[in-house]
Amino acid sequence: MDPATLAAALRRDAARFRGRPAIEALGRAPLGHDALADLVGGLADGLRRRGCRPGHRVALVLPSGPATAVATLAVASVGTCAP
């Protein structure tokens, strides 16, 4: 998948579903599509600033939950892999 495609899809969903939940988890406030796109974009930008490029490997060690979803989408949008 082209990394720009995932980022574009998140932005499209943010515009289309603004204010609606994208991720829900027990005991936590829902994360809206706009917030999801912002968080994923910000984390992806941070990964790129730190030198992550397509083909690099990124390990994610996080508990199950919204943060893991955000991190996984950010890594995928940079074009890296998260084994």
PDB file of N, CA and C in Angstrom:
ATOM      1  N   MET A   1       0.846  -1.182   0.000  1.00  0.00           N
ATOM      2  CA  MET A   1       0.000   0.000   0.000  1.00  0.00           C
ATOM      3  C   MET A   1       0.885   1.236   0.000  1.00  0.00           C
ATOM      4  N   ASP A   2       0.558   2.189  -0.810  1.00  0.00           N
ATOM      5  CA  ASP A   2       1.265   3.458  -0.850  1.00  0.00           C
ATOM      6  C   ASP A   2       1.040   4.176   0.480  1.00  0.00           C
ATOM      7  N   PRO A   3       2.123   4.604   1.174  1.00  0.00           N
ATOM      8  CA  PRO A   3       1.955   5.265   2.465  1.00  0.00           C
ATOM      9  C   PRO A   3       1.042   6.476   2.402  1.00  0.00           C
ATOM     10  N   ALA A   4       1.069   7.213   1.296  1.00  0.00           N
ATOM     11  CA  ALA A   4       0.213   8.392   1.173  1.00  0.00           C
ATOM     12  C   ALA A   4      -1.259   7.990   1.139  1.00  0.00           C
ATOM     13  N   THR A   5      -1.564   6.802   0.662  1.00  0.00           N
ATOM     14  CA  THR A   5      -2.940   6.338   0.567  1.00  0.00           C
ATOM     15  C   THR A   5      -3.575   6.197   1.946  1.00  0.00           C
ATOM     16  N   LEU A   6      -2.862   5.631   2.905  1.00  0.00           N
ATOM     17  CA  LEU A   6      -3.396   5.475   4.252  1.00  0.00           C
ATOM     18  C   LEU A   6      -3.622   6.836   4.897  1.00  0.00           C
ATOM     19  N   ALA A   7      -2.659   7.724   4.790  1.00  0.00           N
ATOM     20  CA  ALA A   7      -2.808   9.063   5.366  1.00  0.00           C
ATOM     21  C   ALA A   7      -3.986   9.797   4.721  1.00  0.00           C
ATOM     22  N   ALA A   8      -4.121   9.671   3.405  1.00  0.00           N
ATOM     23  CA  ALA A   8      -5.231  10.323   2.708  1.00  0.00           C
ATOM     24  C   ALA A   8      -6.566   9.734   3.147  1.00  0.00           C
ATOM     25  N   ALA A   9      -6.614   8.428   3.322  1.00  0.00           N
ATOM     26  CA  ALA A   9      -7.853   7.785   3.772  1.00  0.00           C
ATOM     27  C   ALA A   9      -8.248   8.264   5.165  1.00  0.00           C
ATOM     28  N   LEU A  10      -7.284   8.410   6.055  1.00  0.00           N
ATOM     29  CA  LEU A  10      -7.585   8.897   7.397  1.00  0.00           C
ATOM     30  C   LEU A  10      -8.101  10.332   7.359  1.00  0.00           C
ATOM     31  N   ARG A  11      -7.499  11.161   6.509  1.00  0.00           N
ATOM     32  CA  ARG A  11      -7.966  12.547   6.384  1.00  0.00           C
ATOM     33  C   ARG A  11      -9.371  12.604   5.783  1.00  0.00           C
ATOM     34  N   ARG A  12      -9.631  11.758   4.775  1.00  0.00           N
ATOM     35  CA  ARG A  12     -10.974  11.719   4.180  1.00  0.00           C
ATOM     36  C   ARG A  12     -12.013  11.305   5.219  1.00  0.00           C
ATOM     37  N   ASP A  13     -11.692  10.271   5.989  1.00  0.00           N
ATOM     38  CA  ASP A  13     -12.618   9.831   7.027  1.00  0.00           C
ATOM     39  C   ASP A  13     -12.820  10.905   8.088  1.00  0.00           C
ATOM     40  N   ALA A  14     -11.763  11.622   8.423  1.00  0.00           N
ATOM     41  CA  ALA A  14     -11.869  12.683   9.419  1.00  0.00           C
ATOM     42  C   ALA A  14     -12.855  13.750   8.948  1.00  0.00           C
ATOM     43  N   ALA A  15     -12.804  14.097   7.669  1.00  0.00           N
ATOM     44  CA  ALA A  15     -13.729  15.097   7.131  1.00  0.00           C
ATOM     45  C   ALA A  15     -15.147  14.535   7.039  1.00  0.00           C
ATOM     46  N   ARG A  16     -15.255  13.299   6.620  1.00  0.00           N
ATOM     47  CA  ARG A  16     -16.576  12.693   6.403  1.00  0.00           C
ATOM     48  C   ARG A  16     -17.291  12.353   7.714  1.00  0.00           C
ATOM     49  N   PHE A  17     -16.545  11.879   8.697  1.00  0.00           N
ATOM     50  CA  PHE A  17     -17.151  11.402   9.942  1.00  0.00           C
ATOM     51  C   PHE A  17     -16.791  12.266  11.151  1.00  0.00           C
ATOM     52  N   ARG A  18     -16.531  13.534  10.919  1.00  0.00           N
ATOM     53  CA  ARG A  18     -16.129  14.446  12.000  1.00  0.00           C
ATOM     54  C   ARG A  18     -17.103  14.342  13.172  1.00  0.00           C
ATOM     55  N   GLY A  19     -16.533  14.168  14.350  1.00  0.00           N
ATOM     56  CA  GLY A  19     -17.339  14.084  15.557  1.00  0.00           C
ATOM     57  C   GLY A  19     -17.828  12.686  15.896  1.00  0.00           C
ATOM     58  N   ARG A  20     -17.684  11.755  14.987  1.00  0.00           N
ATOM     59  CA  ARG A  20     -18.099  10.369  15.258  1.00  0.00           C
ATOM     60  C   ARG A  20     -16.903   9.569  15.770  1.00  0.00           C
ATOM     61  N   PRO A  21     -17.170   8.574  16.605  1.00  0.00           N
ATOM     62  CA  PRO A  21     -16.060   7.772  17.123  1.00  0.00           C
ATOM     63  C   PRO A  21     -15.436   6.878  16.052  1.00  0.00           C
ATOM     64  N   ALA A  22     -14.115   6.829  16.064  1.00  0.00           N
ATOM     65  CA  ALA A  22     -13.368   5.919  15.190  1.00  0.00           C
ATOM     66  C   ALA A  22     -12.917   4.704  15.981  1.00  0.00           C
ATOM     67  N   ILE A  23     -12.579   4.933  17.252  1.00  0.00           N
ATOM     68  CA  ILE A  23     -12.111   3.856  18.132  1.00  0.00           C
ATOM     69  C   ILE A  23     -12.816   4.009  19.471  1.00  0.00           C
ATOM     70  N   GLU A  24     -13.357   2.903  19.944  1.00  0.00           N
ATOM     71  CA  GLU A  24     -13.978   2.886  21.267  1.00  0.00           C
ATOM     72  C   GLU A  24     -13.318   1.785  22.095  1.00  0.00           C
ATOM     73  N   ALA A  25     -13.106   2.077  23.365  1.00  0.00           N
ATOM     74  CA  ALA A  25     -12.511   1.100  24.280  1.00  0.00           C
ATOM     75  C   ALA A  25     -13.202   1.228  25.630  1.00  0.00           C
ATOM     76  N   LEU A  26     -13.375   0.108  26.290  1.00  0.00           N
ATOM     77  CA  LEU A  26     -14.024   0.115  27.600  1.00  0.00           C
ATOM     78  C   LEU A  26     -13.298   1.030  28.573  1.00  0.00           C
ATOM     79  N   GLY A  27     -14.059   1.839  29.260  1.00  0.00           N
ATOM     80  CA  GLY A  27     -13.495   2.705  30.284  1.00  0.00           C
ATOM     81  C   GLY A  27     -12.736   3.905  29.756  1.00  0.00           C
ATOM     82  N   ARG A  28     -12.819   4.165  28.458  1.00  0.00           N
ATOM     83  CA  ARG A  28     -12.102   5.302  27.869  1.00  0.00           C
ATOM     84  C   ARG A  28     -13.048   6.105  26.992  1.00  0.00           C
ATOM     85  N   ALA A  29     -12.754   7.373  26.871  1.00  0.00           N
ATOM     86  CA  ALA A  29     -13.555   8.211  25.977  1.00  0.00           C
ATOM     87  C   ALA A  29     -13.309   7.781  24.535  1.00  0.00           C
ATOM     88  N   PRO A  30     -14.344   7.811  23.698  1.00  0.00           N
ATOM     89  CA  PRO A  30     -14.138   7.451  22.291  1.00  0.00           C
ATOM     90  C   PRO A  30     -13.141   8.392  21.617  1.00  0.00           C
ATOM     91  N   LEU A  31     -12.409   7.865  20.670  1.00  0.00           N
ATOM     92  CA  LEU A  31     -11.465   8.659  19.880  1.00  0.00           C
ATOM     93  C   LEU A  31     -12.134   8.920  18.535  1.00  0.00           C
ATOM     94  N   GLY A  32     -12.369  10.184  18.228  1.00  0.00           N
ATOM     95  CA  GLY A  32     -13.040  10.551  16.994  1.00  0.00           C
ATOM     96  C   GLY A  32     -12.135  10.414  15.776  1.00  0.00           C
ATOM     97  N   HIS A  33     -12.753  10.389  14.602  1.00  0.00           N
ATOM     98  CA  HIS A  33     -11.989  10.266  13.355  1.00  0.00           C
ATOM     99  C   HIS A  33     -11.013  11.423  13.173  1.00  0.00           C
ATOM    100  N   ASP A  34     -11.442  12.625  13.523  1.00  0.00           N
ATOM    101  CA  ASP A  34     -10.539  13.770  13.378  1.00  0.00           C
ATOM    102  C   ASP A  34      -9.349  13.665  14.331  1.00  0.00           C
ATOM    103  N   ALA A  35      -9.604  13.255  15.572  1.00  0.00           N
ATOM    104  CA  ALA A  35      -8.510  13.086  16.533  1.00  0.00           C
ATOM    105  C   ALA A  35      -7.592  11.949  16.108  1.00  0.00           C
ATOM    106  N   LEU A  36      -8.171  10.874  15.581  1.00  0.00           N
ATOM    107  CA  LEU A  36      -7.355   9.754  15.115  1.00  0.00           C
ATOM    108  C   LEU A  36      -6.415  10.200  14.005  1.00  0.00           C
ATOM    109  N   ALA A  37      -6.938  10.919  13.022  1.00  0.00           N
ATOM    110  CA  ALA A  37      -6.104  11.405  11.915  1.00  0.00           C
ATOM    111  C   ALA A  37      -4.994  12.326  12.428  1.00  0.00           C
ATOM    112  N   ASP A  38      -5.333  13.195  13.378  1.00  0.00           N
ATOM    113  CA  ASP A  38      -4.322  14.110  13.937  1.00  0.00           C
ATOM    114  C   ASP A  38      -3.233  13.349  14.691  1.00  0.00           C
ATOM    115  N   LEU A  39      -3.635  12.389  15.522  1.00  0.00           N
ATOM    116  CA  LEU A  39      -2.654  11.626  16.298  1.00  0.00           C
ATOM    117  C   LEU A  39      -1.762  10.775  15.397  1.00  0.00           C
ATOM    118  N   VAL A  40      -2.372  10.096  14.433  1.00  0.00           N
ATOM    119  CA  VAL A  40      -1.594   9.255  13.516  1.00  0.00           C
ATOM    120  C   VAL A  40      -0.635  10.119  12.702  1.00  0.00           C
ATOM    121  N   GLY A  41      -1.130  11.245  12.195  1.00  0.00           N
ATOM    122  CA  GLY A  41      -0.280  12.145  11.411  1.00  0.00           C
ATOM    123  C   GLY A  41       0.874  12.698  12.218  1.00  0.00           C
ATOM    124  N   GLY A  42       0.604  13.090  13.452  1.00  0.00           N
ATOM    125  CA  GLY A  42       1.658  13.631  14.311  1.00  0.00           C
ATOM    126  C   GLY A  42       2.715  12.594  14.651  1.00  0.00           C
ATOM    127  N   LEU A  43       2.275  11.385  14.979  1.00  0.00           N
ATOM    128  CA  LEU A  43       3.231  10.327  15.290  1.00  0.00           C
ATOM    129  C   LEU A  43       4.027   9.927  14.051  1.00  0.00           C
ATOM    130  N   ALA A  44       3.365   9.856  12.901  1.00  0.00           N
ATOM    131  CA  ALA A  44       4.071   9.523  11.656  1.00  0.00           C
ATOM    132  C   ALA A  44       5.119  10.589  11.331  1.00  0.00           C
ATOM    133  N   ASP A  45       4.769  11.848  11.522  1.00  0.00           N
ATOM    134  CA  ASP A  45       5.742  12.930  11.293  1.00  0.00           C
ATOM    135  C   ASP A  45       6.939  12.790  12.228  1.00  0.00           C
ATOM    136  N   GLY A  46       6.672  12.454  13.482  1.00  0.00           N
ATOM    137  CA  GLY A  46       7.755  12.253  14.444  1.00  0.00           C
ATOM    138  C   GLY A  46       8.661  11.094  14.057  1.00  0.00           C
ATOM    139  N   LEU A  47       8.068  10.014  13.570  1.00  0.00           N
ATOM    140  CA  LEU A  47       8.875   8.878  13.117  1.00  0.00           C
ATOM    141  C   LEU A  47       9.757   9.276  11.939  1.00  0.00           C
ATOM    142  N   ARG A  48       9.194  10.030  10.997  1.00  0.00           N
ATOM    143  CA  ARG A  48       9.986  10.477   9.841  1.00  0.00           C
ATOM    144  C   ARG A  48      11.132  11.396  10.275  1.00  0.00           C
ATOM    145  N   ARG A  49      10.867  12.299  11.214  1.00  0.00           N
ATOM    146  CA  ARG A  49      11.922  13.205  11.710  1.00  0.00           C
ATOM    147  C   ARG A  49      13.050  12.416  12.370  1.00  0.00           C
ATOM    148  N   ARG A  50      12.709  11.271  12.928  1.00  0.00           N
ATOM    149  CA  ARG A  50      13.716  10.435  13.589  1.00  0.00           C
ATOM    150  C   ARG A  50      14.377   9.447  12.632  1.00  0.00           C
ATOM    151  N   GLY A  51      14.074   9.577  11.352  1.00  0.00           N
ATOM    152  CA  GLY A  51      14.768   8.791  10.349  1.00  0.00           C
ATOM    153  C   GLY A  51      14.056   7.546   9.857  1.00  0.00           C
ATOM    154  N   CYS A  52      12.843   7.293  10.306  1.00  0.00           N
ATOM    155  CA  CYS A  52      12.107   6.118   9.818  1.00  0.00           C
ATOM    156  C   CYS A  52      11.727   6.327   8.361  1.00  0.00           C
ATOM    157  N   ARG A  53      11.994   5.323   7.574  1.00  0.00           N
ATOM    158  CA  ARG A  53      11.717   5.371   6.135  1.00  0.00           C
ATOM    159  C   ARG A  53      11.079   4.060   5.711  1.00  0.00           C
ATOM    160  N   PRO A  54      10.452   4.054   4.523  1.00  0.00           N
ATOM    161  CA  PRO A  54       9.874   2.799   4.020  1.00  0.00           C
ATOM    162  C   PRO A  54      10.908   1.673   4.042  1.00  0.00           C
ATOM    163  N   GLY A  55      10.469   0.530   4.519  1.00  0.00           N
ATOM    164  CA  GLY A  55      11.345  -0.639   4.606  1.00  0.00           C
ATOM    165  C   GLY A  55      11.991  -0.827   5.963  1.00  0.00           C
ATOM    166  N   HIS A  56      12.010   0.209   6.793  1.00  0.00           N
ATOM    167  CA  HIS A  56      12.564   0.073   8.134  1.00  0.00           C
ATOM    168  C   HIS A  56      11.623  -0.752   8.995  1.00  0.00           C
ATOM    169  N   ARG A  57      12.157  -1.348  10.019  1.00  0.00           N
ATOM    170  CA  ARG A  57      11.352  -2.111  10.970  1.00  0.00           C
ATOM    171  C   ARG A  57      11.159  -1.302  12.240  1.00  0.00           C
ATOM    172  N   VAL A  58       9.954  -1.345  12.747  1.00  0.00           N
ATOM    173  CA  VAL A  58       9.630  -0.656  13.991  1.00  0.00           C
ATOM    174  C   VAL A  58       8.916  -1.652  14.890  1.00  0.00           C
ATOM    175  N   ALA A  59       9.418  -1.852  16.086  1.00  0.00           N
ATOM    176  CA  ALA A  59       8.777  -2.746  17.048  1.00  0.00           C
ATOM    177  C   ALA A  59       7.858  -1.928  17.949  1.00  0.00           C
ATOM    178  N   LEU A  60       6.645  -2.411  18.122  1.00  0.00           N
ATOM    179  CA  LEU A  60       5.693  -1.762  19.012  1.00  0.00           C
ATOM    180  C   LEU A  60       5.475  -2.656  20.225  1.00  0.00           C
ATOM    181  N   VAL A  61       5.712  -2.105  21.394  1.00  0.00           N
ATOM    182  CA  VAL A  61       5.489  -2.843  22.635  1.00  0.00           C
ATOM    183  C   VAL A  61       4.522  -2.001  23.462  1.00  0.00           C
ATOM    184  N   LEU A  62       3.256  -2.252  23.234  1.00  0.00           N
ATOM    185  CA  LEU A  62       2.204  -1.480  23.887  1.00  0.00           C
ATOM    186  C   LEU A  62       1.089  -2.417  24.321  1.00  0.00           C
ATOM    187  N   PRO A  63       0.359  -2.045  25.369  1.00  0.00           N
ATOM    188  CA  PRO A  63      -0.796  -2.858  25.746  1.00  0.00           C
ATOM    189  C   PRO A  63      -1.903  -2.692  24.708  1.00  0.00           C
ATOM    190  N   SER A  64      -2.810  -3.632  24.676  1.00  0.00           N
ATOM    191  CA  SER A  64      -3.946  -3.511  23.767  1.00  0.00           C
ATOM    192  C   SER A  64      -4.729  -2.245  24.096  1.00  0.00           C
ATOM    193  N   GLY A  65      -5.168  -1.568  23.072  1.00  0.00           N
ATOM    194  CA  GLY A  65      -5.960  -0.368  23.296  1.00  0.00           C
ATOM    195  C   GLY A  65      -5.778   0.643  22.185  1.00  0.00           C
ATOM    196  N   PRO A  66      -6.393   1.797  22.348  1.00  0.00           N
ATOM    197  CA  PRO A  66      -6.344   2.822  21.309  1.00  0.00           C
ATOM    198  C   PRO A  66      -4.931   3.278  20.947  1.00  0.00           C
ATOM    199  N   ALA A  67      -4.035   3.357  21.909  1.00  0.00           N
ATOM    200  CA  ALA A  67      -2.660   3.794  21.611  1.00  0.00           C
ATOM    201  C   ALA A  67      -1.974   2.837  20.650  1.00  0.00           C
ATOM    202  N   THR A  68      -2.250   1.560  20.796  1.00  0.00           N
ATOM    203  CA  THR A  68      -1.662   0.572  19.889  1.00  0.00           C
ATOM    204  C   THR A  68      -2.208   0.742  18.484  1.00  0.00           C
ATOM    205  N   ALA A  69      -3.486   1.006  18.362  1.00  0.00           N
ATOM    206  CA  ALA A  69      -4.087   1.240  17.039  1.00  0.00           C
ATOM    207  C   ALA A  69      -3.482   2.474  16.386  1.00  0.00           C
ATOM    208  N   VAL A  70      -3.337   3.549  17.145  1.00  0.00           N
ATOM    209  CA  VAL A  70      -2.748   4.782  16.613  1.00  0.00           C
ATOM    210  C   VAL A  70      -1.312   4.524  16.168  1.00  0.00           C
ATOM    211  N   ALA A  71      -0.527   3.865  17.004  1.00  0.00           N
ATOM    212  CA  ALA A  71       0.876   3.602  16.670  1.00  0.00           C
ATOM    213  C   ALA A  71       0.998   2.707  15.440  1.00  0.00           C
ATOM    214  N   THR A  72       0.165   1.689  15.353  1.00  0.00           N
ATOM    215  CA  THR A  72       0.210   0.786  14.205  1.00  0.00           C
ATOM    216  C   THR A  72      -0.125   1.526  12.912  1.00  0.00           C
ATOM    217  N   LEU A  73      -1.144   2.362  12.945  1.00  0.00           N
ATOM    218  CA  LEU A  73      -1.503   3.150  11.756  1.00  0.00           C
ATOM    219  C   LEU A  73      -0.400   4.143  11.395  1.00  0.00           C
ATOM    220  N   ALA A  74       0.230   4.743  12.390  1.00  0.00           N
ATOM    221  CA  ALA A  74       1.311   5.698  12.119  1.00  0.00           C
ATOM    222  C   ALA A  74       2.502   4.997  11.460  1.00  0.00           C
ATOM    223  N   VAL A  75       2.873   3.847  11.994  1.00  0.00           N
ATOM    224  CA  VAL A  75       3.989   3.089  11.429  1.00  0.00           C
ATOM    225  C   VAL A  75       3.667   2.686   9.991  1.00  0.00           C
ATOM    226  N   ALA A  76       2.456   2.214   9.778  1.00  0.00           N
ATOM    227  CA  ALA A  76       2.050   1.803   8.417  1.00  0.00           C
ATOM    228  C   ALA A  76       2.028   2.992   7.473  1.00  0.00           C
ATOM    229  N   SER A  77       1.633   4.157   7.934  1.00  0.00           N
ATOM    230  CA  SER A  77       1.564   5.321   7.051  1.00  0.00           C
ATOM    231  C   SER A  77       2.938   5.844   6.661  1.00  0.00           C
ATOM    232  N   VAL A  78       3.950   5.521   7.470  1.00  0.00           N
ATOM    233  CA  VAL A  78       5.323   5.888   7.113  1.00  0.00           C
ATOM    234  C   VAL A  78       5.894   4.912   6.097  1.00  0.00           C
ATOM    235  N   GLY A  79       5.273   3.753   5.997  1.00  0.00           N
ATOM    236  CA  GLY A  79       5.739   2.748   5.045  1.00  0.00           C
ATOM    237  C   GLY A  79       6.760   1.807   5.645  1.00  0.00           C
ATOM    238  N   THR A  80       6.761   1.729   6.972  1.00  0.00           N
ATOM    239  CA  THR A  80       7.644   0.800   7.664  1.00  0.00           C
ATOM    240  C   THR A  80       6.830  -0.409   8.085  1.00  0.00           C
ATOM    241  N   CYS A  81       7.466  -1.385   8.685  1.00  0.00           N
ATOM    242  CA  CYS A  81       6.713  -2.550   9.163  1.00  0.00           C
ATOM    243  C   CYS A  81       6.880  -2.677  10.658  1.00  0.00           C
ATOM    244  N   ALA A  82       5.858  -3.190  11.301  1.00  0.00           N
ATOM    245  CA  ALA A  82       5.884  -3.390  12.746  1.00  0.00           C
ATOM    246  C   ALA A  82       5.728  -4.869  13.024  1.00  0.00           C
ATOM    247  N   PRO A  83       6.848  -5.603  13.165  1.00  0.00           N
ATOM    248  CA  PRO A  83       6.737  -7.050  13.414  1.00  0.00           C
ATOM    249  C   PRO A  83       6.141  -7.341  14.785  1.00  0.00           C
TER     250      PRO A  83
END
